[in-house]
Amino acid sequence: MPIFARNREMGVQSFVIKLLNNNCSELDALVEGPRLDRRVNLTVVVLVVPEVDGEMRFDEAFTAVTKEFSANGVGVVLSEARRLEDVVLGFRWLGEMRFARARLKHFQPMGGGFYRAGFKLTEMIHAVDHPQLQKMFV
């Protein structure tokens, strides 16, 4: 392998390590303080149904991707600035959709037009109680 190719590869590796270190959740704890519960990085598609005054806004539903999960929360990456206080989140599980009501805990820009929304999951919702939810699949 030519020496210049090795130098380019080392440059890429150095950049990736710096990128990972600057976005590492363990390092965030040094700045923000330790979290009480652990996070699991997991990226899955999620259906987001806004809820206003207890009413689900099915015509405003959209899809997003998750970033991480905790025992009672989820971080969601949004492709535009949508400050949603209350939502119903839909997850595909074993070929079916499962829904959970959630409340916004934090919202921040990530750059490039993306935003991170942290939601606290408050309760499971049964689709049979909401006929329109039964029709919503990701």
C-alpha atoms as a PDB file:
ATOM      1  CA  MET A   1       0.000   0.000   0.000  1.00  0.00           C
ATOM      2  CA  PRO A   2       1.470   3.371  -0.957  1.00  0.00           C
ATOM      3  CA  ILE A   3       2.338   5.636   1.957  1.00  0.00           C
ATOM      4  CA  PHE A   4      -0.009   8.403   0.749  1.00  0.00           C
ATOM      5  CA  ALA A   5      -3.030   6.045   0.703  1.00  0.00           C
ATOM      6  CA  ARG A   6      -2.242   5.065   4.290  1.00  0.00           C
ATOM      7  CA  ASN A   7      -2.067   8.746   5.311  1.00  0.00           C
ATOM      8  CA  ARG A   8      -5.471   9.414   3.719  1.00  0.00           C
ATOM      9  CA  GLU A   9      -6.962   6.425   5.534  1.00  0.00           C
ATOM     10  CA  MET A  10      -5.508   7.595   8.849  1.00  0.00           C
ATOM     11  CA  GLY A  11      -6.987  11.051   8.201  1.00  0.00           C
ATOM     12  CA  VAL A  12     -10.437   9.525   7.690  1.00  0.00           C
ATOM     13  CA  GLN A  13     -10.093   7.396  10.832  1.00  0.00           C
ATOM     14  CA  SER A  14      -9.014  10.425  12.847  1.00  0.00           C
ATOM     15  CA  PHE A  15     -12.052  12.406  11.654  1.00  0.00           C
ATOM     16  CA  VAL A  16     -14.494   9.568  12.439  1.00  0.00           C
ATOM     17  CA  ILE A  17     -13.075   9.189  15.963  1.00  0.00           C
ATOM     18  CA  LYS A  18     -13.401  12.934  16.597  1.00  0.00           C
ATOM     19  CA  LEU A  19     -16.958  12.930  15.221  1.00  0.00           C
ATOM     20  CA  LEU A  20     -17.960  10.014  17.442  1.00  0.00           C
ATOM     21  CA  ASN A  21     -16.313  11.504  20.518  1.00  0.00           C
ATOM     22  CA  ASN A  22     -18.062  14.854  20.028  1.00  0.00           C
ATOM     23  CA  ASN A  23     -21.466  13.180  19.727  1.00  0.00           C
ATOM     24  CA  CYS A  24     -21.034  10.504  22.382  1.00  0.00           C
ATOM     25  CA  SER A  25     -23.826  10.330  24.961  1.00  0.00           C
ATOM     26  CA  GLU A  26     -21.291   9.545  27.708  1.00  0.00           C
ATOM     27  CA  LEU A  27     -19.546  12.858  27.004  1.00  0.00           C
ATOM     28  CA  ASP A  28     -22.869  14.708  27.045  1.00  0.00           C
ATOM     29  CA  ALA A  29     -23.264  13.548  30.654  1.00  0.00           C
ATOM     30  CA  LEU A  30     -20.118  15.455  31.579  1.00  0.00           C
ATOM     31  CA  VAL A  31     -21.717  18.697  30.354  1.00  0.00           C
ATOM     32  CA  GLU A  32     -25.372  18.122  31.295  1.00  0.00           C
ATOM     33  CA  GLY A  33     -24.829  15.946  34.344  1.00  0.00           C
ATOM     34  CA  PRO A  34     -25.522  12.241  34.631  1.00  0.00           C
ATOM     35  CA  ARG A  35     -28.876  10.939  33.455  1.00  0.00           C
ATOM     36  CA  LEU A  36     -30.975   8.974  35.873  1.00  0.00           C
ATOM     37  CA  ASP A  37     -31.766   6.282  33.327  1.00  0.00           C
ATOM     38  CA  ARG A  38     -29.735   4.688  30.572  1.00  0.00           C
ATOM     39  CA  ARG A  39     -30.272   5.286  26.864  1.00  0.00           C
ATOM     40  CA  VAL A  40     -30.178   2.751  24.057  1.00  0.00           C
ATOM     41  CA  ASN A  41     -29.310   3.983  20.574  1.00  0.00           C
ATOM     42  CA  LEU A  42     -31.896   2.566  18.187  1.00  0.00           C
ATOM     43  CA  THR A  43     -33.063   3.924  14.843  1.00  0.00           C
ATOM     44  CA  VAL A  44     -36.541   2.857  13.736  1.00  0.00           C
ATOM     45  CA  VAL A  45     -39.291   4.563  11.769  1.00  0.00           C
ATOM     46  CA  VAL A  46     -41.984   6.087  13.970  1.00  0.00           C
ATOM     47  CA  LEU A  47     -45.393   7.492  13.068  1.00  0.00           C
ATOM     48  CA  VAL A  48     -46.067  10.825  14.792  1.00  0.00           C
ATOM     49  CA  VAL A  49     -49.688  11.916  15.251  1.00  0.00           C
ATOM     50  CA  PRO A  50     -49.983  15.393  16.818  1.00  0.00           C
ATOM     51  CA  GLU A  51     -52.526  15.731  19.608  1.00  0.00           C
ATOM     52  CA  VAL A  52     -54.140  19.067  20.479  1.00  0.00           C
ATOM     53  CA  ASP A  53     -56.550  19.400  23.412  1.00  0.00           C
ATOM     54  CA  GLY A  54     -56.834  15.611  23.607  1.00  0.00           C
ATOM     55  CA  GLU A  55     -57.776  15.244  19.915  1.00  0.00           C
ATOM     56  CA  MET A  56     -55.521  13.366  17.502  1.00  0.00           C
ATOM     57  CA  ARG A  57     -54.790  15.334  14.337  1.00  0.00           C
ATOM     58  CA  PHE A  58     -54.636  12.498  11.798  1.00  0.00           C
ATOM     59  CA  ASP A  59     -54.372  14.898   8.851  1.00  0.00           C
ATOM     60  CA  GLU A  60     -51.132  16.281  10.359  1.00  0.00           C
ATOM     61  CA  ALA A  61     -49.512  12.860  10.950  1.00  0.00           C
ATOM     62  CA  PHE A  62     -46.001  12.290   9.584  1.00  0.00           C
ATOM     63  CA  THR A  63     -43.128   9.840   9.904  1.00  0.00           C
ATOM     64  CA  ALA A  64     -39.754  10.384  11.538  1.00  0.00           C
ATOM     65  CA  VAL A  65     -36.919   8.259  12.905  1.00  0.00           C
ATOM     66  CA  THR A  66     -35.908   7.567  16.468  1.00  0.00           C
ATOM     67  CA  LYS A  67     -32.452   8.273  17.836  1.00  0.00           C
ATOM     68  CA  GLU A  68     -32.502   6.639  21.241  1.00  0.00           C
ATOM     69  CA  PHE A  69     -34.794   5.065  23.827  1.00  0.00           C
ATOM     70  CA  SER A  70     -34.933   4.971  27.607  1.00  0.00           C
ATOM     71  CA  ALA A  71     -37.338   3.011  29.797  1.00  0.00           C
ATOM     72  CA  ASN A  72     -39.992   5.737  29.501  1.00  0.00           C
ATOM     73  CA  GLY A  73     -38.793   8.038  26.750  1.00  0.00           C
ATOM     74  CA  VAL A  74     -37.691   8.332  23.156  1.00  0.00           C
ATOM     75  CA  GLY A  75     -35.597  10.780  21.163  1.00  0.00           C
ATOM     76  CA  VAL A  76     -37.003  11.495  17.695  1.00  0.00           C
ATOM     77  CA  VAL A  77     -35.242  13.212  14.786  1.00  0.00           C
ATOM     78  CA  LEU A  78     -37.565  15.562  12.896  1.00  0.00           C
ATOM     79  CA  SER A  79     -36.906  16.936   9.404  1.00  0.00           C
ATOM     80  CA  GLU A  80     -38.440  20.318  10.229  1.00  0.00           C
ATOM     81  CA  ALA A  81     -39.149  22.517  13.243  1.00  0.00           C
ATOM     82  CA  ARG A  82     -42.350  21.108  14.762  1.00  0.00           C
ATOM     83  CA  ARG A  83     -42.769  21.860  18.438  1.00  0.00           C
ATOM     84  CA  LEU A  84     -45.390  19.335  19.368  1.00  0.00           C
ATOM     85  CA  GLU A  85     -46.335  19.281  23.040  1.00  0.00           C
ATOM     86  CA  ASP A  86     -48.460  16.115  22.902  1.00  0.00           C
ATOM     87  CA  VAL A  87     -48.302  13.320  20.339  1.00  0.00           C
ATOM     88  CA  VAL A  88     -49.228   9.730  19.738  1.00  0.00           C
ATOM     89  CA  LEU A  89     -46.263   7.701  18.502  1.00  0.00           C
ATOM     90  CA  GLY A  90     -46.771   4.579  16.406  1.00  0.00           C
ATOM     91  CA  PHE A  91     -44.174   1.804  16.260  1.00  0.00           C
ATOM     92  CA  ARG A  92     -44.228  -1.293  14.071  1.00  0.00           C
ATOM     93  CA  TRP A  93     -43.908  -4.369  16.292  1.00  0.00           C
ATOM     94  CA  LEU A  94     -44.178  -7.955  15.038  1.00  0.00           C
ATOM     95  CA  GLY A  95     -46.093  -6.928  11.923  1.00  0.00           C
ATOM     96  CA  GLU A  96     -48.546  -4.701  13.821  1.00  0.00           C
ATOM     97  CA  MET A  97     -48.616  -1.116  14.955  1.00  0.00           C
ATOM     98  CA  ARG A  98     -48.353  -0.248  18.661  1.00  0.00           C
ATOM     99  CA  PHE A  99     -49.164   3.255  19.867  1.00  0.00           C
ATOM    100  CA  ALA A 100     -48.070   5.299  22.858  1.00  0.00           C
ATOM    101  CA  ARG A 101     -49.072   8.750  24.026  1.00  0.00           C
ATOM    102  CA  ALA A 102     -46.099  11.038  24.677  1.00  0.00           C
ATOM    103  CA  ARG A 103     -45.322  14.531  25.957  1.00  0.00           C
ATOM    104  CA  LEU A 104     -42.489  16.735  24.713  1.00  0.00           C
ATOM    105  CA  LYS A 105     -39.664  17.166  27.241  1.00  0.00           C
ATOM    106  CA  HIS A 106     -37.056  18.954  25.118  1.00  0.00           C
ATOM    107  CA  PHE A 107     -36.569  20.253  21.593  1.00  0.00           C
ATOM    108  CA  GLN A 108     -33.355  21.420  19.964  1.00  0.00           C
ATOM    109  CA  PRO A 109     -31.890  22.042  16.501  1.00  0.00           C
ATOM    110  CA  MET A 110     -29.289  19.581  15.257  1.00  0.00           C
ATOM    111  CA  GLY A 111     -28.224  21.566  12.197  1.00  0.00           C
ATOM    112  CA  GLY A 112     -28.927  21.082   8.511  1.00  0.00           C
ATOM    113  CA  GLY A 113     -32.660  21.590   9.060  1.00  0.00           C
ATOM    114  CA  PHE A 114     -33.036  18.663  11.490  1.00  0.00           C
ATOM    115  CA  TYR A 115     -34.318  18.816  15.057  1.00  0.00           C
ATOM    116  CA  ARG A 116     -34.191  16.461  18.016  1.00  0.00           C
ATOM    117  CA  ALA A 117     -37.350  16.102  20.101  1.00  0.00           C
ATOM    118  CA  GLY A 118     -37.267  14.203  23.372  1.00  0.00           C
ATOM    119  CA  PHE A 119     -40.589  12.696  24.425  1.00  0.00           C
ATOM    120  CA  LYS A 120     -41.673  11.099  27.688  1.00  0.00           C
ATOM    121  CA  LEU A 121     -43.912   8.106  26.958  1.00  0.00           C
ATOM    122  CA  THR A 122     -46.952   8.323  29.235  1.00  0.00           C
ATOM    123  CA  GLU A 123     -49.346   5.520  28.272  1.00  0.00           C
ATOM    124  CA  MET A 124     -50.074   2.830  25.710  1.00  0.00           C
ATOM    125  CA  ILE A 125     -53.057   3.408  23.429  1.00  0.00           C
ATOM    126  CA  HIS A 126     -55.115   0.565  22.030  1.00  0.00           C
ATOM    127  CA  ALA A 127     -55.830   1.022  18.332  1.00  0.00           C
ATOM    128  CA  VAL A 128     -59.215  -0.720  18.697  1.00  0.00           C
ATOM    129  CA  ASP A 129     -60.346   2.262  20.801  1.00  0.00           C
ATOM    130  CA  HIS A 130     -59.398   4.634  17.958  1.00  0.00           C
ATOM    131  CA  PRO A 131     -60.553   3.331  14.555  1.00  0.00           C
ATOM    132  CA  GLN A 132     -58.479   5.885  12.628  1.00  0.00           C
ATOM    133  CA  LEU A 133     -55.297   4.632  14.314  1.00  0.00           C
ATOM    134  CA  GLN A 134     -55.992   1.147  13.017  1.00  0.00           C
ATOM    135  CA  LYS A 135     -55.637   2.498   9.468  1.00  0.00           C
ATOM    136  CA  MET A 136     -52.321   4.224  10.104  1.00  0.00           C
ATOM    137  CA  PHE A 137     -49.335   2.092   9.173  1.00  0.00           C
ATOM    138  CA  VAL A 138     -45.776   3.202   8.586  1.00  0.00           C
END
